[in-house]
Amino acid sequence: MDGAGKKTAAAIHQEVTREVNQLLGRVFAQRRKEARTDLEAVESALRTALHQAGAAALNQLLARKCSDYIKRNHHRMRYAEFHAQGLCTSTGVVEAGCKVAIGTRLKRSGLHWTSRGANAIIALRCCKLSGRFEDFWERRAVRRAA
């Protein structure tokens, strides 16, 4: 586990411990008030308290991570501005483009590719579809001459 993971685990443990101690204090206070000493009820209450405390701590941690992500990336999340420019912000267009440009070429019946061969054909296919096919060959010729 890396340093960030250890800090996260420690933060979760500390939060859960604090919440569990608070909940246990309330559970035992309620049991004393009712003059009940049945261990099964206490165990059940303890399990419920642990579950609730763990879920609350995890939700708090996830909310904090989400908030931190938004703070770090807000400059990339200008969706209204992108839409005003007529740009698409969904992944569907990119996924469909990959399917057309790559999937249909590589997944034809009877074709088998090595990683190197697949990467080469993908590069050629993308250059052809983007109108940069001639540039590809010019760059390749320059590299071979060097």
C-alpha atoms as a PDB file:
ATOM      1  CA  MET A   1       0.000   0.000   0.000  1.00  0.00           C
ATOM      2  CA  ASP A   2       1.401   3.399  -0.939  1.00  0.00           C
ATOM      3  CA  GLY A   3       1.655   6.423   1.395  1.00  0.00           C
ATOM      4  CA  ALA A   4      -1.644   7.920   0.223  1.00  0.00           C
ATOM      5  CA  GLY A   5      -3.387   4.578   0.711  1.00  0.00           C
ATOM      6  CA  LYS A   6      -2.035   4.260   4.256  1.00  0.00           C
ATOM      7  CA  LYS A   7      -3.171   7.785   5.093  1.00  0.00           C
ATOM      8  CA  THR A   8      -6.614   7.050   3.656  1.00  0.00           C
ATOM      9  CA  ALA A   9      -6.890   3.803   5.619  1.00  0.00           C
ATOM     10  CA  ALA A  10      -5.775   5.557   8.814  1.00  0.00           C
ATOM     11  CA  ALA A  11      -8.321   8.342   8.256  1.00  0.00           C
ATOM     12  CA  ILE A  12     -11.114   5.814   7.709  1.00  0.00           C
ATOM     13  CA  HIS A  13     -10.068   3.836  10.802  1.00  0.00           C
ATOM     14  CA  GLN A  14      -9.935   6.966  12.956  1.00  0.00           C
ATOM     15  CA  GLU A  15     -13.345   8.163  11.735  1.00  0.00           C
ATOM     16  CA  VAL A  16     -14.962   4.746  12.174  1.00  0.00           C
ATOM     17  CA  THR A  17     -13.456   4.332  15.649  1.00  0.00           C
ATOM     18  CA  ARG A  18     -14.773   7.726  16.760  1.00  0.00           C
ATOM     19  CA  GLU A  19     -18.262   7.068  15.387  1.00  0.00           C
ATOM     20  CA  VAL A  20     -18.385   3.528  16.774  1.00  0.00           C
ATOM     21  CA  ASN A  21     -17.400   4.750  20.233  1.00  0.00           C
ATOM     22  CA  GLN A  22     -20.148   7.376  20.122  1.00  0.00           C
ATOM     23  CA  LEU A  23     -22.703   4.845  18.939  1.00  0.00           C
ATOM     24  CA  LEU A  24     -21.639   2.255  21.501  1.00  0.00           C
ATOM     25  CA  GLY A  25     -21.965   4.849  24.244  1.00  0.00           C
ATOM     26  CA  ARG A  26     -25.543   5.532  23.123  1.00  0.00           C
ATOM     27  CA  VAL A  27     -26.350   1.796  22.785  1.00  0.00           C
ATOM     28  CA  PHE A  28     -25.067   0.935  26.269  1.00  0.00           C
ATOM     29  CA  ALA A  29     -26.723   4.006  27.802  1.00  0.00           C
ATOM     30  CA  GLN A  30     -30.035   2.879  26.281  1.00  0.00           C
ATOM     31  CA  ARG A  31     -29.496  -0.697  27.563  1.00  0.00           C
ATOM     32  CA  ARG A  32     -28.739   0.570  31.098  1.00  0.00           C
ATOM     33  CA  LYS A  33     -31.800   2.798  30.982  1.00  0.00           C
ATOM     34  CA  GLU A  34     -33.952  -0.189  29.991  1.00  0.00           C
ATOM     35  CA  ALA A  35     -32.174  -2.417  32.541  1.00  0.00           C
ATOM     36  CA  ARG A  36     -31.426  -4.935  29.767  1.00  0.00           C
ATOM     37  CA  THR A  37     -28.339  -7.087  29.845  1.00  0.00           C
ATOM     38  CA  ASP A  38     -29.109  -9.581  27.043  1.00  0.00           C
ATOM     39  CA  LEU A  39     -25.880 -10.035  25.108  1.00  0.00           C
ATOM     40  CA  GLU A  40     -27.580 -10.920  21.806  1.00  0.00           C
ATOM     41  CA  ALA A  41     -29.319  -7.551  21.711  1.00  0.00           C
ATOM     42  CA  VAL A  42     -26.066  -5.779  22.554  1.00  0.00           C
ATOM     43  CA  GLU A  43     -24.214  -7.734  19.863  1.00  0.00           C
ATOM     44  CA  SER A  44     -26.922  -6.927  17.314  1.00  0.00           C
ATOM     45  CA  ALA A  45     -26.819  -3.258  18.252  1.00  0.00           C
ATOM     46  CA  LEU A  46     -23.026  -3.305  18.015  1.00  0.00           C
ATOM     47  CA  ARG A  47     -23.081  -4.843  14.523  1.00  0.00           C
ATOM     48  CA  THR A  48     -25.637  -2.265  13.384  1.00  0.00           C
ATOM     49  CA  ALA A  49     -23.553   0.554  14.853  1.00  0.00           C
ATOM     50  CA  LEU A  50     -20.379  -0.705  13.180  1.00  0.00           C
ATOM     51  CA  HIS A  51     -22.120  -1.004   9.824  1.00  0.00           C
ATOM     52  CA  GLN A  52     -23.605   2.493  10.045  1.00  0.00           C
ATOM     53  CA  ALA A  53     -20.327   4.048  11.185  1.00  0.00           C
ATOM     54  CA  GLY A  54     -18.347   2.340   8.421  1.00  0.00           C
ATOM     55  CA  ALA A  55     -20.834   3.414   5.756  1.00  0.00           C
ATOM     56  CA  ALA A  56     -20.838   7.005   7.032  1.00  0.00           C
ATOM     57  CA  ALA A  57     -17.028   7.175   7.098  1.00  0.00           C
ATOM     58  CA  LEU A  58     -16.767   5.684   3.621  1.00  0.00           C
ATOM     59  CA  ASN A  59     -19.390   8.073   2.245  1.00  0.00           C
ATOM     60  CA  GLN A  60     -17.573  10.995   3.847  1.00  0.00           C
ATOM     61  CA  LEU A  61     -14.267   9.861   2.363  1.00  0.00           C
ATOM     62  CA  LEU A  62     -15.792   9.422  -1.102  1.00  0.00           C
ATOM     63  CA  ALA A  63     -17.451  12.833  -0.920  1.00  0.00           C
ATOM     64  CA  ARG A  64     -14.120  14.386   0.066  1.00  0.00           C
ATOM     65  CA  LYS A  65     -12.340  12.642  -2.821  1.00  0.00           C
ATOM     66  CA  CYS A  66     -15.018  13.813  -5.246  1.00  0.00           C
ATOM     67  CA  SER A  67     -14.734  17.373  -3.975  1.00  0.00           C
ATOM     68  CA  ASP A  68     -10.942  17.277  -4.275  1.00  0.00           C
ATOM     69  CA  TYR A  69     -11.219  15.938  -7.845  1.00  0.00           C
ATOM     70  CA  ILE A  70     -13.543  18.775  -8.831  1.00  0.00           C
ATOM     71  CA  LYS A  71     -11.216  21.353  -7.249  1.00  0.00           C
ATOM     72  CA  ARG A  72      -8.218  19.941  -9.147  1.00  0.00           C
ATOM     73  CA  ASN A  73     -10.036  19.677 -12.488  1.00  0.00           C
ATOM     74  CA  HIS A  74     -12.563  22.523 -12.530  1.00  0.00           C
ATOM     75  CA  HIS A  75     -10.629  24.245 -15.323  1.00  0.00           C
ATOM     76  CA  ARG A  76     -11.411  21.230 -17.547  1.00  0.00           C
ATOM     77  CA  MET A  77     -15.118  21.165 -16.655  1.00  0.00           C
ATOM     78  CA  ARG A  78     -16.328  24.118 -18.701  1.00  0.00           C
ATOM     79  CA  TYR A  79     -19.223  22.205 -20.242  1.00  0.00           C
ATOM     80  CA  ALA A  80     -21.458  25.223 -20.909  1.00  0.00           C
ATOM     81  CA  GLU A  81     -18.581  26.909 -22.736  1.00  0.00           C
ATOM     82  CA  PHE A  82     -17.871  23.773 -24.768  1.00  0.00           C
ATOM     83  CA  HIS A  83     -21.542  23.346 -25.692  1.00  0.00           C
ATOM     84  CA  ALA A  84     -21.736  27.022 -26.755  1.00  0.00           C
ATOM     85  CA  GLN A  85     -18.884  26.291 -29.183  1.00  0.00           C
ATOM     86  CA  GLY A  86     -20.818  23.336 -30.565  1.00  0.00           C
ATOM     87  CA  LEU A  87     -18.456  20.784 -29.033  1.00  0.00           C
ATOM     88  CA  CYS A  88     -19.622  17.428 -27.728  1.00  0.00           C
ATOM     89  CA  THR A  89     -18.745  16.541 -24.135  1.00  0.00           C
ATOM     90  CA  SER A  90     -19.965  12.956 -24.069  1.00  0.00           C
ATOM     91  CA  THR A  91     -17.798   9.903 -24.682  1.00  0.00           C
ATOM     92  CA  GLY A  92     -20.236   8.294 -27.109  1.00  0.00           C
ATOM     93  CA  VAL A  93     -18.829  10.107 -30.130  1.00  0.00           C
ATOM     94  CA  VAL A  94     -15.265   9.058 -29.315  1.00  0.00           C
ATOM     95  CA  GLU A  95     -16.318   5.474 -28.613  1.00  0.00           C
ATOM     96  CA  ALA A  96     -18.213   5.278 -31.910  1.00  0.00           C
ATOM     97  CA  GLY A  97     -15.187   6.738 -33.710  1.00  0.00           C
ATOM     98  CA  CYS A  98     -12.922   4.111 -32.192  1.00  0.00           C
ATOM     99  CA  LYS A  99     -15.337   1.389 -33.203  1.00  0.00           C
ATOM    100  CA  VAL A 100     -15.425   2.605 -36.802  1.00  0.00           C
ATOM    101  CA  ALA A 101     -11.749   3.500 -37.158  1.00  0.00           C
ATOM    102  CA  ILE A 102     -10.203   0.632 -35.264  1.00  0.00           C
ATOM    103  CA  GLY A 103     -12.661  -2.114 -34.407  1.00  0.00           C
ATOM    104  CA  THR A 104     -14.012  -2.720 -37.903  1.00  0.00           C
ATOM    105  CA  ARG A 105     -10.491  -2.920 -39.349  1.00  0.00           C
ATOM    106  CA  LEU A 106      -8.914  -5.132 -36.705  1.00  0.00           C
ATOM    107  CA  LYS A 107     -11.812  -7.471 -36.015  1.00  0.00           C
ATOM    108  CA  ARG A 108     -12.474  -8.761 -39.503  1.00  0.00           C
ATOM    109  CA  SER A 109     -13.026 -12.463 -39.921  1.00  0.00           C
ATOM    110  CA  GLY A 110      -9.850 -14.533 -39.925  1.00  0.00           C
ATOM    111  CA  LEU A 111      -7.504 -11.694 -38.954  1.00  0.00           C
ATOM    112  CA  HIS A 112      -4.945 -12.205 -36.214  1.00  0.00           C
ATOM    113  CA  TRP A 113      -2.657  -9.401 -35.032  1.00  0.00           C
ATOM    114  CA  THR A 114       0.456  -9.059 -32.975  1.00  0.00           C
ATOM    115  CA  SER A 115       0.515  -5.984 -30.737  1.00  0.00           C
ATOM    116  CA  ARG A 116       3.106  -4.365 -32.997  1.00  0.00           C
ATOM    117  CA  GLY A 117       1.112  -5.080 -36.144  1.00  0.00           C
ATOM    118  CA  ALA A 118      -2.151  -3.883 -34.593  1.00  0.00           C
ATOM    119  CA  ASN A 119      -0.502  -0.637 -33.438  1.00  0.00           C
ATOM    120  CA  ALA A 120       0.936  -0.057 -36.915  1.00  0.00           C
ATOM    121  CA  ILE A 121      -2.373  -0.602 -38.693  1.00  0.00           C
ATOM    122  CA  ILE A 122      -4.214   1.574 -36.149  1.00  0.00           C
ATOM    123  CA  ALA A 123      -1.734   4.405 -36.785  1.00  0.00           C
ATOM    124  CA  LEU A 124      -2.221   4.095 -40.546  1.00  0.00           C
ATOM    125  CA  ARG A 125      -5.995   3.892 -40.262  1.00  0.00           C
ATOM    126  CA  CYS A 126      -6.206   6.963 -38.014  1.00  0.00           C
ATOM    127  CA  CYS A 127      -3.938   8.954 -40.352  1.00  0.00           C
ATOM    128  CA  LYS A 128      -6.065   7.991 -43.352  1.00  0.00           C
ATOM    129  CA  LEU A 129      -9.367   8.842 -41.681  1.00  0.00           C
ATOM    130  CA  SER A 130      -8.068  12.156 -40.311  1.00  0.00           C
ATOM    131  CA  GLY A 131      -6.690  13.294 -43.685  1.00  0.00           C
ATOM    132  CA  ARG A 132      -3.041  13.050 -42.579  1.00  0.00           C
ATOM    133  CA  PHE A 133      -2.105   9.952 -44.560  1.00  0.00           C
ATOM    134  CA  GLU A 134       0.475  11.718 -46.761  1.00  0.00           C
ATOM    135  CA  ASP A 135       2.035  13.394 -43.699  1.00  0.00           C
ATOM    136  CA  PHE A 136       2.512   9.954 -42.158  1.00  0.00           C
ATOM    137  CA  TRP A 137       4.484   8.694 -45.148  1.00  0.00           C
ATOM    138  CA  GLU A 138       6.534  11.893 -45.375  1.00  0.00           C
ATOM    139  CA  ARG A 139       7.530  11.645 -41.696  1.00  0.00           C
ATOM    140  CA  ARG A 140       8.369   7.982 -42.160  1.00  0.00           C
ATOM    141  CA  ALA A 141      10.600   8.739 -45.156  1.00  0.00           C
ATOM    142  CA  VAL A 142      12.429  11.445 -43.193  1.00  0.00           C
ATOM    143  CA  ARG A 143      13.047   9.029 -40.302  1.00  0.00           C
ATOM    144  CA  ARG A 144      14.401   6.364 -42.640  1.00  0.00           C
ATOM    145  CA  ALA A 145      16.728   8.844 -44.334  1.00  0.00           C
ATOM    146  CA  ALA A 146      18.141   9.968 -40.991  1.00  0.00           C
END
